Each structure stands twice: as C-alpha cells, then as structure tokens.
Amino acid sequence: SSSLWAQILLVIFVAVVFASVAFFLLRQPAVLQKLVQERTIELELAQVELENKNRVLQQLDVMKDQFMANTSHELRTPLMGIIGLTEALLDEAAELNLPRRARDTLKMVSQSGKR
C-alpha cells in the first residue's frame, strides 16, 4: 500500500515536472519574440540618433568650409598687399641704399608670403 502511494506520488511528480517543462518550452518563442522586438526598437532608435548626428556633422562641415573660404580670402587680400610692398622695396633696394640684412629680410618676407 505504501509502495502504491509512492508510485502515485512519483507519477504526479513526473506529470508536474513534465507540465512545467512543456509550459516553459511553449513560452520560449513568445519570450524570444519579445526580446527580438525590444532589440529591434533599440536599434531603430539608435539608427535615428545616428542619422541625426550625421546630419549635424554634415551641417558643421558646410559651415567649416564656408569659414575656411572666408578666412582664406580675408587673409589673402592683406597678404598680397604685403608681398607687393615688399617686392617694390626690393626693386628699389639699391636706390634706397638698404643694407644687405634688410634686403635679405625683405626677400624672406616675400618668399614666405608666396608659400
């Protein structure tokens, strides 16, 4: 009689374990699907953020190019004046009786400005 009860309890235990395992296995696709959906949403949000940052970087790149073009023009104009005046002084160096060191300095200024 006690052996019969032990067998009945064992059968009930095995049935409960089997039901638990079956329930767990049946739930897995839903759990995995939910995880995939959550990760997909995270990736989509990250993509939107990356696209926004890329757009900002492109705008900054255009602004940088405009700044460089304006700055280059603003620097080139006075530099051309300096080079012109320096070369005019060099052309008249002999007439002005400029010392050799002054002529060398003027040549250096002219050559540096042309680089």
PDB file of N, CA and C in Angstrom:
ATOM      1  N   SER A   1       0.825  -1.182   0.000  1.00  0.00           N
ATOM      2  CA  SER A   1       0.000   0.000   0.000  1.00  0.00           C
ATOM      3  C   SER A   1       0.875   1.254   0.000  1.00  0.00           C
ATOM      4  N   SER A   2       1.940   1.275   0.830  1.00  0.00           N
ATOM      5  CA  SER A   2       2.809   2.443   0.834  1.00  0.00           C
ATOM      6  C   SER A   2       3.591   2.519  -0.466  1.00  0.00           C
ATOM      7  N   SER A   3       3.858   1.362  -1.063  1.00  0.00           N
ATOM      8  CA  SER A   3       4.545   1.332  -2.346  1.00  0.00           C
ATOM      9  C   SER A   3       3.644   1.892  -3.434  1.00  0.00           C
ATOM     10  N   LEU A   4       2.355   1.649  -3.336  1.00  0.00           N
ATOM     11  CA  LEU A   4       1.399   2.182  -4.307  1.00  0.00           C
ATOM     12  C   LEU A   4       1.329   3.698  -4.194  1.00  0.00           C
ATOM     13  N   TRP A   5       1.315   4.189  -2.947  1.00  0.00           N
ATOM     14  CA  TRP A   5       1.293   5.650  -2.748  1.00  0.00           C
ATOM     15  C   TRP A   5       2.584   6.289  -3.266  1.00  0.00           C
ATOM     16  N   ALA A   6       3.673   5.637  -3.086  1.00  0.00           N
ATOM     17  CA  ALA A   6       4.949   6.161  -3.575  1.00  0.00           C
ATOM     18  C   ALA A   6       4.936   6.233  -5.097  1.00  0.00           C
ATOM     19  N   GLN A   7       4.366   5.207  -5.725  1.00  0.00           N
ATOM     20  CA  GLN A   7       4.283   5.201  -7.181  1.00  0.00           C
ATOM     21  C   GLN A   7       3.339   6.301  -7.678  1.00  0.00           C
ATOM     22  N   ILE A   8       2.225   6.487  -6.962  1.00  0.00           N
ATOM     23  CA  ILE A   8       1.268   7.531  -7.348  1.00  0.00           C
ATOM     24  C   ILE A   8       1.921   8.909  -7.204  1.00  0.00           C
ATOM     25  N   LEU A   9       2.625   9.122  -6.109  1.00  0.00           N
ATOM     26  CA  LEU A   9       3.318  10.392  -5.898  1.00  0.00           C
ATOM     27  C   LEU A   9       4.391  10.616  -6.958  1.00  0.00           C
ATOM     28  N   LEU A  10       5.080   9.561  -7.323  1.00  0.00           N
ATOM     29  CA  LEU A  10       6.109   9.672  -8.350  1.00  0.00           C
ATOM     30  C   LEU A  10       5.480  10.040  -9.695  1.00  0.00           C
ATOM     31  N   VAL A  11       4.356   9.427 -10.019  1.00  0.00           N
ATOM     32  CA  VAL A  11       3.665   9.738 -11.277  1.00  0.00           C
ATOM     33  C   VAL A  11       3.197  11.185 -11.267  1.00  0.00           C
ATOM     34  N   ILE A  12       2.644  11.637 -10.144  1.00  0.00           N
ATOM     35  CA  ILE A  12       2.175  13.028 -10.035  1.00  0.00           C
ATOM     36  C   ILE A  12       3.365  13.982 -10.170  1.00  0.00           C
ATOM     37  N   PHE A  13       4.468  13.653  -9.504  1.00  0.00           N
ATOM     38  CA  PHE A  13       5.664  14.490  -9.576  1.00  0.00           C
ATOM     39  C   PHE A  13       6.166  14.582 -11.021  1.00  0.00           C
ATOM     40  N   VAL A  14       6.255  13.446 -11.698  1.00  0.00           N
ATOM     41  CA  VAL A  14       6.721  13.424 -13.088  1.00  0.00           C
ATOM     42  C   VAL A  14       5.767  14.235 -13.966  1.00  0.00           C
ATOM     43  N   ALA A  15       4.463  14.136 -13.719  1.00  0.00           N
ATOM     44  CA  ALA A  15       3.480  14.877 -14.512  1.00  0.00           C
ATOM     45  C   ALA A  15       3.645  16.377 -14.302  1.00  0.00           C
ATOM     46  N   VAL A  16       3.869  16.785 -13.054  1.00  0.00           N
ATOM     47  CA  VAL A  16       4.058  18.209 -12.759  1.00  0.00           C
ATOM     48  C   VAL A  16       5.338  18.712 -13.430  1.00  0.00           C
ATOM     49  N   VAL A  17       6.415  17.950 -13.328  1.00  0.00           N
ATOM     50  CA  VAL A  17       7.668  18.341 -13.969  1.00  0.00           C
ATOM     51  C   VAL A  17       7.469  18.423 -15.484  1.00  0.00           C
ATOM     52  N   PHE A  18       6.814  17.432 -16.058  1.00  0.00           N
ATOM     53  CA  PHE A  18       6.574  17.424 -17.497  1.00  0.00           C
ATOM     54  C   PHE A  18       5.730  18.638 -17.904  1.00  0.00           C
ATOM     55  N   ALA A  19       4.706  18.937 -17.143  1.00  0.00           N
ATOM     56  CA  ALA A  19       3.849  20.091 -17.450  1.00  0.00           C
ATOM     57  C   ALA A  19       4.651  21.389 -17.351  1.00  0.00           C
ATOM     58  N   SER A  20       5.502  21.497 -16.344  1.00  0.00           N
ATOM     59  CA  SER A  20       6.329  22.692 -16.185  1.00  0.00           C
ATOM     60  C   SER A  20       7.289  22.854 -17.360  1.00  0.00           C
ATOM     61  N   VAL A  21       7.920  21.767 -17.752  1.00  0.00           N
ATOM     62  CA  VAL A  21       8.843  21.803 -18.885  1.00  0.00           C
ATOM     63  C   VAL A  21       8.083  22.159 -20.162  1.00  0.00           C
ATOM     64  N   ALA A  22       6.924  21.551 -20.362  1.00  0.00           N
ATOM     65  CA  ALA A  22       6.129  21.835 -21.560  1.00  0.00           C
ATOM     66  C   ALA A  22       5.711  23.306 -21.585  1.00  0.00           C
ATOM     67  N   PHE A  23       5.279  23.823 -20.444  1.00  0.00           N
ATOM     68  CA  PHE A  23       4.877  25.237 -20.366  1.00  0.00           C
ATOM     69  C   PHE A  23       6.064  26.148 -20.672  1.00  0.00           C
ATOM     70  N   PHE A  24       7.236  25.810 -20.118  1.00  0.00           N
ATOM     71  CA  PHE A  24       8.438  26.594 -20.353  1.00  0.00           C
ATOM     72  C   PHE A  24       8.801  26.593 -21.844  1.00  0.00           C
ATOM     73  N   LEU A  25       8.766  25.420 -22.453  1.00  0.00           N
ATOM     74  CA  LEU A  25       9.119  25.316 -23.869  1.00  0.00           C
ATOM     75  C   LEU A  25       8.110  26.033 -24.756  1.00  0.00           C
ATOM     76  N   LEU A  26       6.846  25.974 -24.390  1.00  0.00           N
ATOM     77  CA  LEU A  26       5.816  26.659 -25.181  1.00  0.00           C
ATOM     78  C   LEU A  26       5.960  28.175 -25.088  1.00  0.00           C
ATOM     79  N   ARG A  27       6.448  28.657 -23.952  1.00  0.00           N
ATOM     80  CA  ARG A  27       6.610  30.103 -23.756  1.00  0.00           C
ATOM     81  C   ARG A  27       7.840  30.657 -24.455  1.00  0.00           C
ATOM     82  N   GLN A  28       8.829  29.841 -24.758  1.00  0.00           N
ATOM     83  CA  GLN A  28      10.087  30.315 -25.316  1.00  0.00           C
ATOM     84  C   GLN A  28       9.928  31.135 -26.599  1.00  0.00           C
ATOM     85  N   PRO A  29       9.157  30.702 -27.578  1.00  0.00           N
ATOM     86  CA  PRO A  29       9.025  31.532 -28.780  1.00  0.00           C
ATOM     87  C   PRO A  29       8.478  32.926 -28.470  1.00  0.00           C
ATOM     88  N   ALA A  30       7.534  33.017 -27.556  1.00  0.00           N
ATOM     89  CA  ALA A  30       6.965  34.317 -27.195  1.00  0.00           C
ATOM     90  C   ALA A  30       8.009  35.182 -26.496  1.00  0.00           C
ATOM     91  N   VAL A  31       8.775  34.579 -25.619  1.00  0.00           N
ATOM     92  CA  VAL A  31       9.818  35.315 -24.900  1.00  0.00           C
ATOM     93  C   VAL A  31      10.884  35.797 -25.889  1.00  0.00           C
ATOM     94  N   LEU A  32      11.296  34.891 -26.767  1.00  0.00           N
ATOM     95  CA  LEU A  32      12.305  35.271 -27.756  1.00  0.00           C
ATOM     96  C   LEU A  32      11.774  36.345 -28.703  1.00  0.00           C
ATOM     97  N   GLN A  33      10.520  36.211 -29.106  1.00  0.00           N
ATOM     98  CA  GLN A  33       9.924  37.207 -29.996  1.00  0.00           C
ATOM     99  C   GLN A  33       9.891  38.578 -29.316  1.00  0.00           C
ATOM    100  N   LYS A  34       9.556  38.598 -28.042  1.00  0.00           N
ATOM    101  CA  LYS A  34       9.520  39.864 -27.308  1.00  0.00           C
ATOM    102  C   LYS A  34      10.922  40.466 -27.220  1.00  0.00           C
ATOM    103  N   LEU A  35      11.924  39.640 -26.949  1.00  0.00           N
ATOM    104  CA  LEU A  35      13.303  40.129 -26.888  1.00  0.00           C
ATOM    105  C   LEU A  35      13.746  40.690 -28.241  1.00  0.00           C
ATOM    106  N   VAL A  36      13.387  40.013 -29.318  1.00  0.00           N
ATOM    107  CA  VAL A  36      13.743  40.485 -30.659  1.00  0.00           C
ATOM    108  C   VAL A  36      13.060  41.824 -30.946  1.00  0.00           C
ATOM    109  N   GLN A  37      11.797  41.941 -30.572  1.00  0.00           N
ATOM    110  CA  GLN A  37      11.071  43.193 -30.787  1.00  0.00           C
ATOM    111  C   GLN A  37      11.705  44.339 -29.994  1.00  0.00           C
ATOM    112  N   GLU A  38      12.060  44.086 -28.738  1.00  0.00           N
ATOM    113  CA  GLU A  38      12.691  45.113 -27.916  1.00  0.00           C
ATOM    114  C   GLU A  38      14.027  45.544 -28.505  1.00  0.00           C
ATOM    115  N   ARG A  39      14.818  44.573 -28.941  1.00  0.00           N
ATOM    116  CA  ARG A  39      16.129  44.894 -29.517  1.00  0.00           C
ATOM    117  C   ARG A  39      15.976  45.642 -30.844  1.00  0.00           C
ATOM    118  N   THR A  40      14.967  45.267 -31.628  1.00  0.00           N
ATOM    119  CA  THR A  40      14.707  45.954 -32.892  1.00  0.00           C
ATOM    120  C   THR A  40      14.369  47.420 -32.643  1.00  0.00           C
ATOM    121  N   ILE A  41      13.548  47.678 -31.648  1.00  0.00           N
ATOM    122  CA  ILE A  41      13.185  49.057 -31.293  1.00  0.00           C
ATOM    123  C   ILE A  41      14.433  49.828 -30.864  1.00  0.00           C
ATOM    124  N   GLU A  42      15.272  49.208 -30.035  1.00  0.00           N
ATOM    125  CA  GLU A  42      16.517  49.856 -29.600  1.00  0.00           C
ATOM    126  C   GLU A  42      17.405  50.206 -30.802  1.00  0.00           C
ATOM    127  N   LEU A  43      17.521  49.272 -31.737  1.00  0.00           N
ATOM    128  CA  LEU A  43      18.360  49.512 -32.917  1.00  0.00           C
ATOM    129  C   LEU A  43      17.773  50.607 -33.809  1.00  0.00           C
ATOM    130  N   GLU A  44      16.460  50.629 -33.946  1.00  0.00           N
ATOM    131  CA  GLU A  44      15.821  51.675 -34.753  1.00  0.00           C
ATOM    132  C   GLU A  44      16.045  53.045 -34.123  1.00  0.00           C
ATOM    133  N   LEU A  45      15.930  53.132 -32.800  1.00  0.00           N
ATOM    134  CA  LEU A  45      16.187  54.401 -32.116  1.00  0.00           C
ATOM    135  C   LEU A  45      17.650  54.825 -32.274  1.00  0.00           C
ATOM    136  N   ALA A  46      18.556  53.867 -32.164  1.00  0.00           N
ATOM    137  CA  ALA A  46      19.977  54.175 -32.338  1.00  0.00           C
ATOM    138  C   ALA A  46      20.251  54.650 -33.769  1.00  0.00           C
ATOM    139  N   GLN A  47      19.571  54.059 -34.738  1.00  0.00           N
ATOM    140  CA  GLN A  47      19.752  54.471 -36.132  1.00  0.00           C
ATOM    141  C   GLN A  47      19.256  55.898 -36.344  1.00  0.00           C
ATOM    142  N   VAL A  48      18.111  56.236 -35.765  1.00  0.00           N
ATOM    143  CA  VAL A  48      17.579  57.601 -35.887  1.00  0.00           C
ATOM    144  C   VAL A  48      18.555  58.594 -35.254  1.00  0.00           C
ATOM    145  N   GLU A  49      19.075  58.244 -34.085  1.00  0.00           N
ATOM    146  CA  GLU A  49      20.032  59.116 -33.398  1.00  0.00           C
ATOM    147  C   GLU A  49      21.299  59.293 -34.234  1.00  0.00           C
ATOM    148  N   LEU A  50      21.771  58.209 -34.816  1.00  0.00           N
ATOM    149  CA  LEU A  50      22.965  58.271 -35.655  1.00  0.00           C
ATOM    150  C   LEU A  50      22.714  59.128 -36.901  1.00  0.00           C
ATOM    151  N   GLU A  51      21.557  58.992 -37.511  1.00  0.00           N
ATOM    152  CA  GLU A  51      21.219  59.809 -38.682  1.00  0.00           C
ATOM    153  C   GLU A  51      21.158  61.287 -38.309  1.00  0.00           C
ATOM    154  N   ASN A  52      20.587  61.594 -37.145  1.00  0.00           N
ATOM    155  CA  ASN A  52      20.531  62.992 -36.690  1.00  0.00           C
ATOM    156  C   ASN A  52      21.931  63.547 -36.465  1.00  0.00           C
ATOM    157  N   LYS A  53      22.780  62.779 -35.820  1.00  0.00           N
ATOM    158  CA  LYS A  53      24.150  63.231 -35.577  1.00  0.00           C
ATOM    159  C   LYS A  53      24.900  63.398 -36.891  1.00  0.00           C
ATOM    160  N   ASN A  54      24.655  62.507 -37.844  1.00  0.00           N
ATOM    161  CA  ASN A  54      25.302  62.618 -39.146  1.00  0.00           C
ATOM    162  C   ASN A  54      24.853  63.893 -39.859  1.00  0.00           C
ATOM    163  N   ARG A  55      23.579  64.219 -39.769  1.00  0.00           N
ATOM    164  CA  ARG A  55      23.057  65.443 -40.377  1.00  0.00           C
ATOM    165  C   ARG A  55      23.720  66.677 -39.764  1.00  0.00           C
ATOM    166  N   VAL A  56      23.860  66.674 -38.437  1.00  0.00           N
ATOM    167  CA  VAL A  56      24.507  67.795 -37.749  1.00  0.00           C
ATOM    168  C   VAL A  56      25.964  67.914 -38.193  1.00  0.00           C
ATOM    169  N   LEU A  57      26.658  66.773 -38.296  1.00  0.00           N
ATOM    170  CA  LEU A  57      28.052  66.807 -38.738  1.00  0.00           C
ATOM    171  C   LEU A  57      28.178  67.342 -40.159  1.00  0.00           C
ATOM    172  N   GLN A  58      27.245  66.981 -41.019  1.00  0.00           N
ATOM    173  CA  GLN A  58      27.282  67.490 -42.395  1.00  0.00           C
ATOM    174  C   GLN A  58      27.068  69.004 -42.411  1.00  0.00           C
ATOM    175  N   GLN A  59      26.163  69.499 -41.573  1.00  0.00           N
ATOM    176  CA  GLN A  59      25.933  70.947 -41.489  1.00  0.00           C
ATOM    177  C   GLN A  59      27.180  71.656 -40.961  1.00  0.00           C
ATOM    178  N   LEU A  60      27.809  71.070 -39.960  1.00  0.00           N
ATOM    179  CA  LEU A  60      29.034  71.652 -39.413  1.00  0.00           C
ATOM    180  C   LEU A  60      30.152  71.647 -40.451  1.00  0.00           C
ATOM    181  N   ASP A  61      30.207  70.605 -41.269  1.00  0.00           N
ATOM    182  CA  ASP A  61      31.226  70.534 -42.316  1.00  0.00           C
ATOM    183  C   ASP A  61      31.029  71.656 -43.335  1.00  0.00           C
ATOM    184  N   VAL A  62      29.778  71.931 -43.712  1.00  0.00           N
ATOM    185  CA  VAL A  62      29.495  73.029 -44.640  1.00  0.00           C
ATOM    186  C   VAL A  62      29.891  74.356 -44.010  1.00  0.00           C
ATOM    187  N   MET A  63      29.566  74.534 -42.736  1.00  0.00           N
ATOM    188  CA  MET A  63      29.924  75.774 -42.036  1.00  0.00           C
ATOM    189  C   MET A  63      31.443  75.939 -41.979  1.00  0.00           C
ATOM    190  N   LYS A  64      32.161  74.837 -41.730  1.00  0.00           N
ATOM    191  CA  LYS A  64      33.619  74.888 -41.683  1.00  0.00           C
ATOM    192  C   LYS A  64      34.187  75.308 -43.035  1.00  0.00           C
ATOM    193  N   ASP A  65      33.636  74.717 -44.115  1.00  0.00           N
ATOM    194  CA  ASP A  65      34.117  75.070 -45.455  1.00  0.00           C
ATOM    195  C   ASP A  65      33.886  76.555 -45.747  1.00  0.00           C
ATOM    196  N   GLN A  66      32.719  77.059 -45.361  1.00  0.00           N
ATOM    197  CA  GLN A  66      32.427  78.484 -45.575  1.00  0.00           C
ATOM    198  C   GLN A  66      33.380  79.358 -44.766  1.00  0.00           C
ATOM    199  N   PHE A  67      33.614  78.975 -43.533  1.00  0.00           N
ATOM    200  CA  PHE A  67      34.533  79.727 -42.674  1.00  0.00           C
ATOM    201  C   PHE A  67      35.939  79.743 -43.279  1.00  0.00           C
ATOM    202  N   MET A  68      36.400  78.578 -43.725  1.00  0.00           N
ATOM    203  CA  MET A  68      37.748  78.499 -44.295  1.00  0.00           C
ATOM    204  C   MET A  68      37.850  79.338 -45.564  1.00  0.00           C
ATOM    205  N   ALA A  69      36.815  79.312 -46.396  1.00  0.00           N
ATOM    206  CA  ALA A  69      36.849  80.106 -47.624  1.00  0.00           C
ATOM    207  C   ALA A  69      36.889  81.594 -47.294  1.00  0.00           C
ATOM    208  N   ASN A  70      36.051  82.025 -46.349  1.00  0.00           N
ATOM    209  CA  ASN A  70      36.034  83.442 -45.957  1.00  0.00           C
ATOM    210  C   ASN A  70      37.355  83.861 -45.317  1.00  0.00           C
ATOM    211  N   THR A  71      37.862  83.031 -44.426  1.00  0.00           N
ATOM    212  CA  THR A  71      39.109  83.351 -43.735  1.00  0.00           C
ATOM    213  C   THR A  71      40.264  83.408 -44.726  1.00  0.00           C
ATOM    214  N   SER A  72      40.292  82.461 -45.644  1.00  0.00           N
ATOM    215  CA  SER A  72      41.356  82.446 -46.649  1.00  0.00           C
ATOM    216  C   SER A  72      41.332  83.730 -47.463  1.00  0.00           C
ATOM    217  N   HIS A  73      40.150  84.154 -47.871  1.00  0.00           N
ATOM    218  CA  HIS A  73      40.030  85.385 -48.656  1.00  0.00           C
ATOM    219  C   HIS A  73      40.469  86.595 -47.827  1.00  0.00           C
ATOM    220  N   GLU A  74      40.022  86.635 -46.575  1.00  0.00           N
ATOM    221  CA  GLU A  74      40.350  87.781 -45.704  1.00  0.00           C
ATOM    222  C   GLU A  74      41.844  87.860 -45.417  1.00  0.00           C
ATOM    223  N   LEU A  75      42.512  86.720 -45.361  1.00  0.00           N
ATOM    224  CA  LEU A  75      43.961  86.725 -45.118  1.00  0.00           C
ATOM    225  C   LEU A  75      44.752  87.001 -46.395  1.00  0.00           C
ATOM    226  N   ARG A  76      44.247  86.489 -47.509  1.00  0.00           N
ATOM    227  CA  ARG A  76      44.978  86.620 -48.772  1.00  0.00           C
ATOM    228  C   ARG A  76      45.060  88.075 -49.234  1.00  0.00           C
ATOM    229  N   THR A  77      43.988  88.846 -49.044  1.00  0.00           N
ATOM    230  CA  THR A  77      43.961  90.227 -49.530  1.00  0.00           C
ATOM    231  C   THR A  77      45.068  91.076 -48.896  1.00  0.00           C
ATOM    232  N   PRO A  78      45.175  91.137 -47.565  1.00  0.00           N
ATOM    233  CA  PRO A  78      46.273  91.934 -46.999  1.00  0.00           C
ATOM    234  C   PRO A  78      47.646  91.318 -47.288  1.00  0.00           C
ATOM    235  N   LEU A  79      47.711  89.993 -47.382  1.00  0.00           N
ATOM    236  CA  LEU A  79      48.982  89.338 -47.665  1.00  0.00           C
ATOM    237  C   LEU A  79      49.506  89.752 -49.043  1.00  0.00           C
ATOM    238  N   MET A  80      48.609  89.841 -50.023  1.00  0.00           N
ATOM    239  CA  MET A  80      49.022  90.275 -51.363  1.00  0.00           C
ATOM    240  C   MET A  80      49.578  91.710 -51.311  1.00  0.00           C
ATOM    241  N   GLY A  81      48.964  92.547 -50.478  1.00  0.00           N
ATOM    242  CA  GLY A  81      49.472  93.905 -50.301  1.00  0.00           C
ATOM    243  C   GLY A  81      50.863  93.913 -49.695  1.00  0.00           C
ATOM    244  N   ILE A  82      51.066  93.080 -48.699  1.00  0.00           N
ATOM    245  CA  ILE A  82      52.383  92.997 -48.045  1.00  0.00           C
ATOM    246  C   ILE A  82      53.430  92.506 -49.037  1.00  0.00           C
ATOM    247  N   ILE A  83      53.088  91.484 -49.816  1.00  0.00           N
ATOM    248  CA  ILE A  83      54.039  90.955 -50.806  1.00  0.00           C
ATOM    249  C   ILE A  83      54.358  92.021 -51.842  1.00  0.00           C
ATOM    250  N   GLY A  84      53.334  92.739 -52.311  1.00  0.00           N
ATOM    251  CA  GLY A  84      53.552  93.788 -53.315  1.00  0.00           C
ATOM    252  C   GLY A  84      54.463  94.885 -52.798  1.00  0.00           C
ATOM    253  N   LEU A  85      54.214  95.338 -51.581  1.00  0.00           N
ATOM    254  CA  LEU A  85      55.063  96.387 -50.998  1.00  0.00           C
ATOM    255  C   LEU A  85      56.491  95.892 -50.778  1.00  0.00           C
ATOM    256  N   THR A  86      56.625  94.662 -50.343  1.00  0.00           N
ATOM    257  CA  THR A  86      57.948  94.084 -50.108  1.00  0.00           C
ATOM    258  C   THR A  86      58.733  94.003 -51.413  1.00  0.00           C
ATOM    259  N   GLU A  87      58.070  93.538 -52.478  1.00  0.00           N
ATOM    260  CA  GLU A  87      58.756  93.436 -53.764  1.00  0.00           C
ATOM    261  C   GLU A  87      59.101  94.819 -54.322  1.00  0.00           C
ATOM    262  N   ALA A  88      58.225  95.809 -54.072  1.00  0.00           N
ATOM    263  CA  ALA A  88      58.537  97.179 -54.508  1.00  0.00           C
ATOM    264  C   ALA A  88      59.778  97.692 -53.782  1.00  0.00           C
ATOM    265  N   LEU A  89      59.878  97.404 -52.484  1.00  0.00           N
ATOM    266  CA  LEU A  89      61.074  97.808 -51.729  1.00  0.00           C
ATOM    267  C   LEU A  89      62.317  97.093 -52.251  1.00  0.00           C
ATOM    268  N   LEU A  90      62.172  95.817 -52.579  1.00  0.00           N
ATOM    269  CA  LEU A  90      63.316  95.068 -53.121  1.00  0.00           C
ATOM    270  C   LEU A  90      63.757  95.648 -54.462  1.00  0.00           C
ATOM    271  N   ASP A  91      62.786  96.031 -55.286  1.00  0.00           N
ATOM    272  CA  ASP A  91      63.128  96.623 -56.589  1.00  0.00           C
ATOM    273  C   ASP A  91      63.914  97.919 -56.417  1.00  0.00           C
ATOM    274  N   GLU A  92      63.638  98.648 -55.361  1.00  0.00           N
ATOM    275  CA  GLU A  92      64.307  99.935 -55.131  1.00  0.00           C
ATOM    276  C   GLU A  92      65.389  99.845 -54.059  1.00  0.00           C
ATOM    277  N   ALA A  93      65.748  98.632 -53.680  1.00  0.00           N
ATOM    278  CA  ALA A  93      66.717  98.434 -52.595  1.00  0.00           C
ATOM    279  C   ALA A  93      68.044  99.131 -52.869  1.00  0.00           C
ATOM    280  N   ALA A  94      68.527  99.050 -54.089  1.00  0.00           N
ATOM    281  CA  ALA A  94      69.817  99.675 -54.411  1.00  0.00           C
ATOM    282  C   ALA A  94      69.708 101.187 -54.322  1.00  0.00           C
ATOM    283  N   GLU A  95      68.622 101.737 -54.858  1.00  0.00           N
ATOM    284  CA  GLU A  95      68.435 103.193 -54.832  1.00  0.00           C
ATOM    285  C   GLU A  95      68.263 103.709 -53.414  1.00  0.00           C
ATOM    286  N   LEU A  96      67.630 102.868 -52.565  1.00  0.00           N
ATOM    287  CA  LEU A  96      67.383 103.272 -51.176  1.00  0.00           C
ATOM    288  C   LEU A  96      68.598 103.021 -50.286  1.00  0.00           C
ATOM    289  N   ASN A  97      69.609 102.400 -50.845  1.00  0.00           N
ATOM    290  CA  ASN A  97      70.805 102.082 -50.070  1.00  0.00           C
ATOM    291  C   ASN A  97      70.485 101.196 -48.854  1.00  0.00           C
ATOM    292  N   LEU A  98      69.632 100.193 -49.081  1.00  0.00           N
ATOM    293  CA  LEU A  98      69.267  99.294 -47.978  1.00  0.00           C
ATOM    294  C   LEU A  98      70.412  98.335 -47.689  1.00  0.00           C
ATOM    295  N   PRO A  99      70.701  98.111 -46.410  1.00  0.00           N
ATOM    296  CA  PRO A  99      71.758  97.158 -46.060  1.00  0.00           C
ATOM    297  C   PRO A  99      71.379  95.743 -46.528  1.00  0.00           C
ATOM    298  N   ARG A 100      72.365  94.909 -46.691  1.00  0.00           N
ATOM    299  CA  ARG A 100      72.151  93.532 -47.151  1.00  0.00           C
ATOM    300  C   ARG A 100      71.184  92.783 -46.227  1.00  0.00           C
ATOM    301  N   ARG A 101      71.331  92.977 -44.945  1.00  0.00           N
ATOM    302  CA  ARG A 101      70.448  92.281 -43.993  1.00  0.00           C
ATOM    303  C   ARG A 101      68.997  92.678 -44.214  1.00  0.00           C
ATOM    304  N   ALA A 102      68.724  93.936 -44.468  1.00  0.00           N
ATOM    305  CA  ALA A 102      67.363  94.400 -44.724  1.00  0.00           C
ATOM    306  C   ALA A 102      66.839  93.779 -46.020  1.00  0.00           C
ATOM    307  N   ARG A 103      67.682  93.707 -47.059  1.00  0.00           N
ATOM    308  CA  ARG A 103      67.263  93.100 -48.332  1.00  0.00           C
ATOM    309  C   ARG A 103      66.953  91.614 -48.129  1.00  0.00           C
ATOM    310  N   ASP A 104      67.806  90.935 -47.364  1.00  0.00           N
ATOM    311  CA  ASP A 104      67.574  89.509 -47.088  1.00  0.00           C
ATOM    312  C   ASP A 104      66.250  89.305 -46.341  1.00  0.00           C
ATOM    313  N   THR A 105      65.985  90.190 -45.398  1.00  0.00           N
ATOM    314  CA  THR A 105      64.729  90.106 -44.648  1.00  0.00           C
ATOM    315  C   THR A 105      63.546  90.339 -45.569  1.00  0.00           C
ATOM    316  N   LEU A 106      63.648  91.301 -46.451  1.00  0.00           N
ATOM    317  CA  LEU A 106      62.568  91.565 -47.408  1.00  0.00           C
ATOM    318  C   LEU A 106      62.350  90.375 -48.335  1.00  0.00           C
ATOM    319  N   LYS A 107      63.427  89.751 -48.784  1.00  0.00           N
ATOM    320  CA  LYS A 107      63.303  88.550 -49.630  1.00  0.00           C
ATOM    321  C   LYS A 107      62.587  87.431 -48.877  1.00  0.00           C
ATOM    322  N   MET A 108      62.979  87.277 -47.595  1.00  0.00           N
ATOM    323  CA  MET A 108      62.352  86.239 -46.778  1.00  0.00           C
ATOM    324  C   MET A 108      60.857  86.510 -46.615  1.00  0.00           C
ATOM    325  N   VAL A 109      60.490  87.780 -46.376  1.00  0.00           N
ATOM    326  CA  VAL A 109      59.077  88.139 -46.224  1.00  0.00           C
ATOM    327  C   VAL A 109      58.333  87.824 -47.515  1.00  0.00           C
ATOM    328  N   SER A 110      58.897  88.204 -48.648  1.00  0.00           N
ATOM    329  CA  SER A 110      58.263  87.977 -49.938  1.00  0.00           C
ATOM    330  C   SER A 110      58.091  86.477 -50.218  1.00  0.00           C
ATOM    331  N   GLN A 111      59.135  85.705 -49.991  1.00  0.00           N
ATOM    332  CA  GLN A 111      59.084  84.264 -50.247  1.00  0.00           C
ATOM    333  C   GLN A 111      58.107  83.561 -49.287  1.00  0.00           C
ATOM    334  N   SER A 112      58.102  83.978 -48.041  1.00  0.00           N
ATOM    335  CA  SER A 112      57.187  83.362 -47.056  1.00  0.00           C
ATOM    336  C   SER A 112      55.741  83.648 -47.413  1.00  0.00           C
ATOM    337  N   GLY A 113      55.473  84.857 -47.890  1.00  0.00           N
ATOM    338  CA  GLY A 113      54.107  85.209 -48.247  1.00  0.00           C
ATOM    339  C   GLY A 113      53.605  84.466 -49.462  1.00  0.00           C
ATOM    340  N   LYS A 114      54.498  84.029 -50.334  1.00  0.00           N
ATOM    341  CA  LYS A 114      54.090  83.324 -51.555  1.00  0.00           C
ATOM    342  C   LYS A 114      53.841  81.840 -51.326  1.00  0.00           C
ATOM    343  N   ARG A 115      54.191  81.317 -50.187  1.00  0.00           N
ATOM    344  CA  ARG A 115      54.000  79.882 -49.930  1.00  0.00           C
ATOM    345  C   ARG A 115      52.553  79.535 -49.739  1.00  0.00           C
TER     346      ARG A 115
END
